[in-house]
Amino acid sequence: MTFTPDQAARVAALARLRLPEDKLEHLAAQMGDILSYMDTLTACDTQGVEPLYGPVEHDTPLRMDVAVKTFQRADILSQAPESDGTFFVVPKIVAG
């Protein structure tokens, strides 16, 4: 399918794009290629083909949502350069 530079200018205007005249010919060619590919896809017979919602079908394994305490606070805070015994102490980075 052919797409003219005038049609490309119209699409660009609708999209609120300012394109120089020398780019309209290139855009028209690209849009024509896209429409030709859409024609190819439209010609494909998809009767009886199940819809595909993702490129890979996989099941997400589920597990029980149970809170498990795996570390002691003191062990974690001991790895920090500075703490107040309860929280990490970090340099102030926001003025005010």
C-alpha atoms as a PDB file:
ATOM      1  CA  MET A   1       0.000   0.000   0.000  1.00  0.00           C
ATOM      2  CA  THR A   2       1.323   3.437  -0.851  1.00  0.00           C
ATOM      3  CA  PHE A   3       1.393   6.255   1.634  1.00  0.00           C
ATOM      4  CA  THR A   4       1.954   9.773   0.303  1.00  0.00           C
ATOM      5  CA  PRO A   5       4.020  12.525   1.911  1.00  0.00           C
ATOM      6  CA  ASP A   6       0.788  14.539   2.236  1.00  0.00           C
ATOM      7  CA  GLN A   7      -0.750  11.715   4.255  1.00  0.00           C
ATOM      8  CA  ALA A   8       2.416  11.521   6.350  1.00  0.00           C
ATOM      9  CA  ALA A   9       2.168  15.273   7.006  1.00  0.00           C
ATOM     10  CA  ARG A  10      -1.461  14.827   8.080  1.00  0.00           C
ATOM     11  CA  VAL A  11      -0.562  11.997  10.479  1.00  0.00           C
ATOM     12  CA  ALA A  12       2.328  14.053  11.863  1.00  0.00           C
ATOM     13  CA  ALA A  13       0.003  17.026  12.409  1.00  0.00           C
ATOM     14  CA  LEU A  14      -2.536  14.836  14.206  1.00  0.00           C
ATOM     15  CA  ALA A  15       0.262  13.540  16.435  1.00  0.00           C
ATOM     16  CA  ARG A  16       1.387  17.143  17.050  1.00  0.00           C
ATOM     17  CA  LEU A  17       4.771  16.474  15.465  1.00  0.00           C
ATOM     18  CA  ARG A  18       6.714  19.056  13.497  1.00  0.00           C
ATOM     19  CA  LEU A  19       8.627  17.270  10.774  1.00  0.00           C
ATOM     20  CA  PRO A  20      10.801  18.917   8.136  1.00  0.00           C
ATOM     21  CA  GLU A  21       9.719  18.379   4.542  1.00  0.00           C
ATOM     22  CA  ASP A  22      12.723  16.158   3.801  1.00  0.00           C
ATOM     23  CA  LYS A  23      11.636  13.682   6.508  1.00  0.00           C
ATOM     24  CA  LEU A  24       8.061  13.336   5.194  1.00  0.00           C
ATOM     25  CA  GLU A  25       9.122  11.203   2.223  1.00  0.00           C
ATOM     26  CA  HIS A  26      10.995   8.827   4.530  1.00  0.00           C
ATOM     27  CA  LEU A  27       8.051   8.700   6.966  1.00  0.00           C
ATOM     28  CA  ALA A  28       5.644   8.030   4.099  1.00  0.00           C
ATOM     29  CA  ALA A  29       7.787   5.101   2.924  1.00  0.00           C
ATOM     30  CA  GLN A  30       7.932   3.649   6.443  1.00  0.00           C
ATOM     31  CA  MET A  31       4.174   4.042   6.950  1.00  0.00           C
ATOM     32  CA  GLY A  32       3.589   2.364   3.579  1.00  0.00           C
ATOM     33  CA  ASP A  33       5.771  -0.562   4.664  1.00  0.00           C
ATOM     34  CA  ILE A  34       3.830  -0.868   7.925  1.00  0.00           C
ATOM     35  CA  LEU A  35       0.489  -0.842   6.105  1.00  0.00           C
ATOM     36  CA  SER A  36       1.757  -3.440   3.615  1.00  0.00           C
ATOM     37  CA  TYR A  37       2.779  -5.670   6.503  1.00  0.00           C
ATOM     38  CA  MET A  38      -0.659  -5.184   8.076  1.00  0.00           C
ATOM     39  CA  ASP A  39      -2.202  -6.318   4.777  1.00  0.00           C
ATOM     40  CA  THR A  40      -0.013  -9.439   4.938  1.00  0.00           C
ATOM     41  CA  LEU A  41      -1.164 -10.146   8.492  1.00  0.00           C
ATOM     42  CA  THR A  42      -4.801  -9.580   7.548  1.00  0.00           C
ATOM     43  CA  ALA A  43      -4.473 -12.162   4.771  1.00  0.00           C
ATOM     44  CA  CYS A  44      -3.438 -14.872   7.262  1.00  0.00           C
ATOM     45  CA  ASP A  45      -6.128 -17.423   8.078  1.00  0.00           C
ATOM     46  CA  THR A  46      -6.517 -17.499  11.857  1.00  0.00           C
ATOM     47  CA  GLN A  47      -9.724 -19.520  12.064  1.00  0.00           C
ATOM     48  CA  GLY A  48      -9.467 -22.060  14.852  1.00  0.00           C
ATOM     49  CA  VAL A  49      -6.292 -20.558  16.302  1.00  0.00           C
ATOM     50  CA  GLU A  50      -6.491 -19.930  20.031  1.00  0.00           C
ATOM     51  CA  PRO A  51      -5.570 -16.394  21.112  1.00  0.00           C
ATOM     52  CA  LEU A  52      -2.083 -16.033  22.564  1.00  0.00           C
ATOM     53  CA  TYR A  53      -1.860 -13.668  25.509  1.00  0.00           C
ATOM     54  CA  GLY A  54       1.898 -13.912  25.900  1.00  0.00           C
ATOM     55  CA  PRO A  55       4.814 -15.349  23.945  1.00  0.00           C
ATOM     56  CA  VAL A  56       5.478 -18.029  26.572  1.00  0.00           C
ATOM     57  CA  GLU A  57       2.877 -19.947  28.507  1.00  0.00           C
ATOM     58  CA  HIS A  58       3.976 -20.817  32.017  1.00  0.00           C
ATOM     59  CA  ASP A  59       2.392 -21.283  35.387  1.00  0.00           C
ATOM     60  CA  THR A  60       3.544 -19.289  38.351  1.00  0.00           C
ATOM     61  CA  PRO A  61       4.163 -21.632  41.264  1.00  0.00           C
ATOM     62  CA  LEU A  62       2.307 -20.503  44.346  1.00  0.00           C
ATOM     63  CA  ARG A  63       3.465 -20.861  47.914  1.00  0.00           C
ATOM     64  CA  MET A  64       1.909 -20.069  51.231  1.00  0.00           C
ATOM     65  CA  ASP A  65       2.275 -16.432  52.260  1.00  0.00           C
ATOM     66  CA  VAL A  66       3.867 -16.944  55.629  1.00  0.00           C
ATOM     67  CA  ALA A  67       6.008 -14.332  57.342  1.00  0.00           C
ATOM     68  CA  VAL A  68       9.277 -15.902  58.398  1.00  0.00           C
ATOM     69  CA  LYS A  69      11.879 -14.008  60.342  1.00  0.00           C
ATOM     70  CA  THR A  70      15.189 -15.178  58.942  1.00  0.00           C
ATOM     71  CA  PHE A  71      17.606 -12.571  60.320  1.00  0.00           C
ATOM     72  CA  GLN A  72      18.038 -10.881  63.653  1.00  0.00           C
ATOM     73  CA  ARG A  73      17.987  -7.082  63.592  1.00  0.00           C
ATOM     74  CA  ALA A  74      21.296  -6.888  65.443  1.00  0.00           C
ATOM     75  CA  ASP A  75      22.981  -9.128  62.848  1.00  0.00           C
ATOM     76  CA  ILE A  76      21.839  -6.895  59.994  1.00  0.00           C
ATOM     77  CA  LEU A  77      22.672  -3.633  61.762  1.00  0.00           C
ATOM     78  CA  SER A  78      26.126  -4.939  62.642  1.00  0.00           C
ATOM     79  CA  GLN A  79      26.946  -4.924  58.906  1.00  0.00           C
ATOM     80  CA  ALA A  80      26.080  -1.224  58.517  1.00  0.00           C
ATOM     81  CA  PRO A  81      28.757   1.465  58.719  1.00  0.00           C
ATOM     82  CA  GLU A  82      26.588   3.340  61.243  1.00  0.00           C
ATOM     83  CA  SER A  83      23.348   2.600  63.106  1.00  0.00           C
ATOM     84  CA  ASP A  84      21.492   3.831  66.174  1.00  0.00           C
ATOM     85  CA  GLY A  85      20.682   0.323  67.381  1.00  0.00           C
ATOM     86  CA  THR A  86      17.296   0.269  65.643  1.00  0.00           C
ATOM     87  CA  PHE A  87      17.801   1.913  62.237  1.00  0.00           C
ATOM     88  CA  PHE A  88      20.568   2.553  59.722  1.00  0.00           C
ATOM     89  CA  VAL A  89      22.087   6.020  60.022  1.00  0.00           C
ATOM     90  CA  VAL A  90      22.744   7.574  56.611  1.00  0.00           C
ATOM     91  CA  PRO A  91      23.953  11.007  55.528  1.00  0.00           C
ATOM     92  CA  LYS A  92      21.280  13.634  54.944  1.00  0.00           C
ATOM     93  CA  ILE A  93      20.905  14.207  51.206  1.00  0.00           C
ATOM     94  CA  VAL A  94      17.809  16.435  51.075  1.00  0.00           C
ATOM     95  CA  ALA A  95      18.117  20.058  52.116  1.00  0.00           C
ATOM     96  CA  GLY A  96      15.627  21.408  54.591  1.00  0.00           C
END
